[in-house]
Structure formats: C-alpha cells, structure tokens
C-alpha atoms as a PDB file:
ATOM      1  CA  UNK A   1      18.819   6.088  -3.152  1.00  0.00           C
ATOM      2  CA  UNK A   2      17.142   4.313  -6.413  1.00  0.00           C
ATOM      3  CA  UNK A   3      13.660   4.878  -4.937  1.00  0.00           C
ATOM      4  CA  UNK A   4      11.865   7.654  -3.870  1.00  0.00           C
ATOM      5  CA  UNK A   5      11.701  10.124  -0.848  1.00  0.00           C
ATOM      6  CA  UNK A   6       9.602  12.775  -0.538  1.00  0.00           C
ATOM      7  CA  UNK A   7      10.606  16.237   1.151  1.00  0.00           C
ATOM      8  CA  UNK A   8       8.981  15.222   4.788  1.00  0.00           C
ATOM      9  CA  UNK A   9      10.840  12.235   5.307  1.00  0.00           C
ATOM     10  CA  UNK A  10      13.876  11.945   7.411  1.00  0.00           C
ATOM     11  CA  UNK A  11      16.680   9.595   6.706  1.00  0.00           C
ATOM     12  CA  UNK A  12      19.767   9.280   8.811  1.00  0.00           C
ATOM     13  CA  UNK A  13      22.698   7.124   8.482  1.00  0.00           C
ATOM     14  CA  UNK A  14      23.224   4.439   6.357  1.00  0.00           C
ATOM     15  CA  UNK A  15      20.220   3.584   4.600  1.00  0.00           C
ATOM     16  CA  UNK A  16      19.350   1.857   1.023  1.00  0.00           C
ATOM     17  CA  UNK A  17      15.886   2.674  -0.861  1.00  0.00           C
ATOM     18  CA  UNK A  18      16.091   0.245  -3.804  1.00  0.00           C
ATOM     19  CA  UNK A  19      14.013   0.898  -6.860  1.00  0.00           C
ATOM     20  CA  UNK A  20      10.513   1.545  -6.586  1.00  0.00           C
ATOM     21  CA  UNK A  21      10.419   1.730  -2.861  1.00  0.00           C
ATOM     22  CA  UNK A  22       8.511   5.098  -2.105  1.00  0.00           C
ATOM     23  CA  UNK A  23       9.009   6.697   1.745  1.00  0.00           C
ATOM     24  CA  UNK A  24       6.321   9.269   2.361  1.00  0.00           C
ATOM     25  CA  UNK A  25       6.153  11.270   5.383  1.00  0.00           C
ATOM     26  CA  UNK A  26       8.560   8.778   7.470  1.00  0.00           C
ATOM     27  CA  UNK A  27      11.601   8.540   9.415  1.00  0.00           C
ATOM     28  CA  UNK A  28      13.981   5.900   9.020  1.00  0.00           C
ATOM     29  CA  UNK A  29      17.374   5.682  11.086  1.00  0.00           C
ATOM     30  CA  UNK A  30      20.022   2.961   9.417  1.00  0.00           C
ATOM     31  CA  UNK A  31      21.647   0.862   8.908  1.00  0.00           C
ATOM     32  CA  UNK A  32      18.479   0.195   6.649  1.00  0.00           C
ATOM     33  CA  UNK A  33      17.124  -1.097   4.276  1.00  0.00           C
ATOM     34  CA  UNK A  34      14.066  -0.439   2.558  1.00  0.00           C
ATOM     35  CA  UNK A  35      13.108  -3.437  -0.829  1.00  0.00           C
ATOM     36  CA  UNK A  36      12.317  -2.585  -4.270  1.00  0.00           C
ATOM     37  CA  UNK A  37       8.619  -1.992  -4.638  1.00  0.00           C
ATOM     38  CA  UNK A  38       8.278  -1.014  -0.653  1.00  0.00           C
ATOM     39  CA  UNK A  39       5.822   1.786   0.685  1.00  0.00           C
ATOM     40  CA  UNK A  40       6.928   3.369   3.938  1.00  0.00           C
ATOM     41  CA  UNK A  41       3.815   5.892   4.988  1.00  0.00           C
ATOM     42  CA  UNK A  42       3.764   7.996   8.141  1.00  0.00           C
ATOM     43  CA  UNK A  43       6.024   5.384   9.840  1.00  0.00           C
ATOM     44  CA  UNK A  44       9.371   5.111  11.447  1.00  0.00           C
ATOM     45  CA  UNK A  45      11.904   2.602  10.787  1.00  0.00           C
ATOM     46  CA  UNK A  46      15.140   1.528  12.326  1.00  0.00           C
ATOM     47  CA  UNK A  47      17.834   1.404  13.364  1.00  0.00           C
ATOM     48  CA  UNK A  48      18.964  -2.100  12.184  1.00  0.00           C
ATOM     49  CA  UNK A  49      15.904  -3.063   9.919  1.00  0.00           C
ATOM     50  CA  UNK A  50      15.575  -4.345   6.687  1.00  0.00           C
ATOM     51  CA  UNK A  51      12.530  -4.554   4.664  1.00  0.00           C
ATOM     52  CA  UNK A  52      12.310  -7.269   1.837  1.00  0.00           C
ATOM     53  CA  UNK A  53      10.538  -6.232  -1.577  1.00  0.00           C
ATOM     54  CA  UNK A  54       6.759  -5.214  -2.170  1.00  0.00           C
ATOM     55  CA  UNK A  55       6.243  -4.295   1.657  1.00  0.00           C
ATOM     56  CA  UNK A  56       4.035  -1.762   2.956  1.00  0.00           C
ATOM     57  CA  UNK A  57       4.500  -0.127   6.149  1.00  0.00           C
ATOM     58  CA  UNK A  58       1.680   2.500   7.067  1.00  0.00           C
ATOM     59  CA  UNK A  59       1.403   4.330  10.766  1.00  0.00           C
ATOM     60  CA  UNK A  60       3.795   1.723  12.038  1.00  0.00           C
ATOM     61  CA  UNK A  61       7.069   1.313  13.787  1.00  0.00           C
ATOM     62  CA  UNK A  62       9.746  -1.214  13.380  1.00  0.00           C
ATOM     63  CA  UNK A  63      13.153  -1.930  14.741  1.00  0.00           C
ATOM     64  CA  UNK A  64      16.335  -4.224  14.761  1.00  0.00           C
ATOM     65  CA  UNK A  65      13.949  -6.668  12.763  1.00  0.00           C
ATOM     66  CA  UNK A  66      13.780  -8.236   9.607  1.00  0.00           C
ATOM     67  CA  UNK A  67      10.839  -8.204   7.277  1.00  0.00           C
ATOM     68  CA  UNK A  68      10.300 -10.575   4.607  1.00  0.00           C
ATOM     69  CA  UNK A  69       9.009  -9.939   1.150  1.00  0.00           C
ATOM     70  CA  UNK A  70       5.111  -8.968   0.999  1.00  0.00           C
ATOM     71  CA  UNK A  71       4.883  -8.181   4.666  1.00  0.00           C
ATOM     72  CA  UNK A  72       2.114  -5.546   5.612  1.00  0.00           C
ATOM     73  CA  UNK A  73       2.228  -3.553   8.986  1.00  0.00           C
ATOM     74  CA  UNK A  74      -0.495  -1.320   9.128  1.00  0.00           C
ATOM     75  CA  UNK A  75      -1.109   1.016  12.318  1.00  0.00           C
ATOM     76  CA  UNK A  76       1.024  -1.018  14.535  1.00  0.00           C
ATOM     77  CA  UNK A  77       3.671   0.727  16.451  1.00  0.00           C
ATOM     78  CA  UNK A  78       6.801  -0.541  18.733  1.00  0.00           C
ATOM     79  CA  UNK A  79       7.803  -3.800  16.690  1.00  0.00           C
ATOM     80  CA  UNK A  80      11.032  -4.553  17.748  1.00  0.00           C
ATOM     81  CA  UNK A  81      13.755  -7.558  17.522  1.00  0.00           C
ATOM     82  CA  UNK A  82      11.480  -9.510  15.270  1.00  0.00           C
ATOM     83  CA  UNK A  83      11.510 -11.647  12.317  1.00  0.00           C
ATOM     84  CA  UNK A  84       8.628 -11.690  10.136  1.00  0.00           C
ATOM     85  CA  UNK A  85       7.718 -14.045   7.600  1.00  0.00           C
ATOM     86  CA  UNK A  86       6.980 -14.000   4.005  1.00  0.00           C
ATOM     87  CA  UNK A  87       3.723 -12.094   3.015  1.00  0.00           C
ATOM     88  CA  UNK A  88       2.614 -11.593   6.957  1.00  0.00           C
ATOM     89  CA  UNK A  89       0.267  -9.022   8.129  1.00  0.00           C
ATOM     90  CA  UNK A  90       0.222  -7.083  11.079  1.00  0.00           C
ATOM     91  CA  UNK A  91      -2.523  -5.076  12.247  1.00  0.00           C
ATOM     92  CA  UNK A  92      -4.656  -3.726  14.886  1.00  0.00           C
ATOM     93  CA  UNK A  93      -7.052  -6.011  17.211  1.00  0.00           C
ATOM     94  CA  UNK A  94      -9.370  -5.691  19.624  1.00  0.00           C
ATOM     95  CA  UNK A  95      -6.653  -5.888  22.635  1.00  0.00           C
ATOM     96  CA  UNK A  96      -6.835  -9.545  22.626  1.00  0.00           C
ATOM     97  CA  UNK A  97      -3.821 -11.376  21.785  1.00  0.00           C
ATOM     98  CA  UNK A  98      -4.203 -13.590  18.517  1.00  0.00           C
ATOM     99  CA  UNK A  99      -1.133 -15.655  17.226  1.00  0.00           C
ATOM    100  CA  UNK A 100      -0.631 -17.801  14.433  1.00  0.00           C
ATOM    101  CA  UNK A 101       2.353 -19.120  15.129  1.00  0.00           C
ATOM    102  CA  UNK A 102       4.736 -21.870  13.156  1.00  0.00           C
ATOM    103  CA  UNK A 103       6.936 -24.522  14.049  1.00  0.00           C
ATOM    104  CA  UNK A 104      10.371 -24.039  16.584  1.00  0.00           C
ATOM    105  CA  UNK A 105       8.602 -20.539  17.018  1.00  0.00           C
ATOM    106  CA  UNK A 106       9.714 -18.017  20.277  1.00  0.00           C
ATOM    107  CA  UNK A 107       6.637 -15.610  21.277  1.00  0.00           C
ATOM    108  CA  UNK A 108       6.952 -12.946  24.051  1.00  0.00           C
ATOM    109  CA  UNK A 109       3.997 -11.561  25.242  1.00  0.00           C
ATOM    110  CA  UNK A 110       4.110  -8.391  28.025  1.00  0.00           C
ATOM    111  CA  UNK A 111       2.313  -9.543  31.212  1.00  0.00           C
END
C-alpha cells in the first residue's frame, strides 16, 4: 500500500495501490491493482481488475478487466470483461452507440 486510501473507501482481498495512486470514497475487491499515479474516486473496482499508471476512474465501475496506462472512465458503470487500450476515454453518451474500433477487435453490444 504505497498510495493513499481515504477512510470512506473499502478494500477487500488482495489489493495493491501503487505509489502516488489515490483511492477516494471507493470500493475495491481484490485481486486488484491500482497503478502509480492513478485516481479512483466514487467508483467500484474488481475483482480481477488491473489499472495501469495514471488512470482516472470517477463514478465508474470496472470488473474482470485490464485498463492500460492513461485510461479515463468517467460516469460509466458495469464495464466488465474488458481490455481498455492506452489513453482511452470512456464516458457517457447520448444513448446511441459510438465505437472507435481497432484491428482484430471484438465488440459485444446488448440488443
């Protein structure tokens, strides 16, 4: 536990919070990793989730997923079973699906 976790947050199971990372009013269920310099605020993470360095999660939910360095997830819950590429930004939209999809990608959308 090299980062900071406030008193309003709850961590259960094996959780690593690296140097410079901050966890604020959030719940993290391990196994989970919060990378150096990341901010997790009013969010829920895990289990089986890893955040890279300098990520930002605000009012978000992420489980069974890997977010690479520099990812931002803002006001989006229920993200699971996902691999999120470097510097990707995930946020609320207008109710329609907008996808920026790279090579050899698989996308699953609820009907």
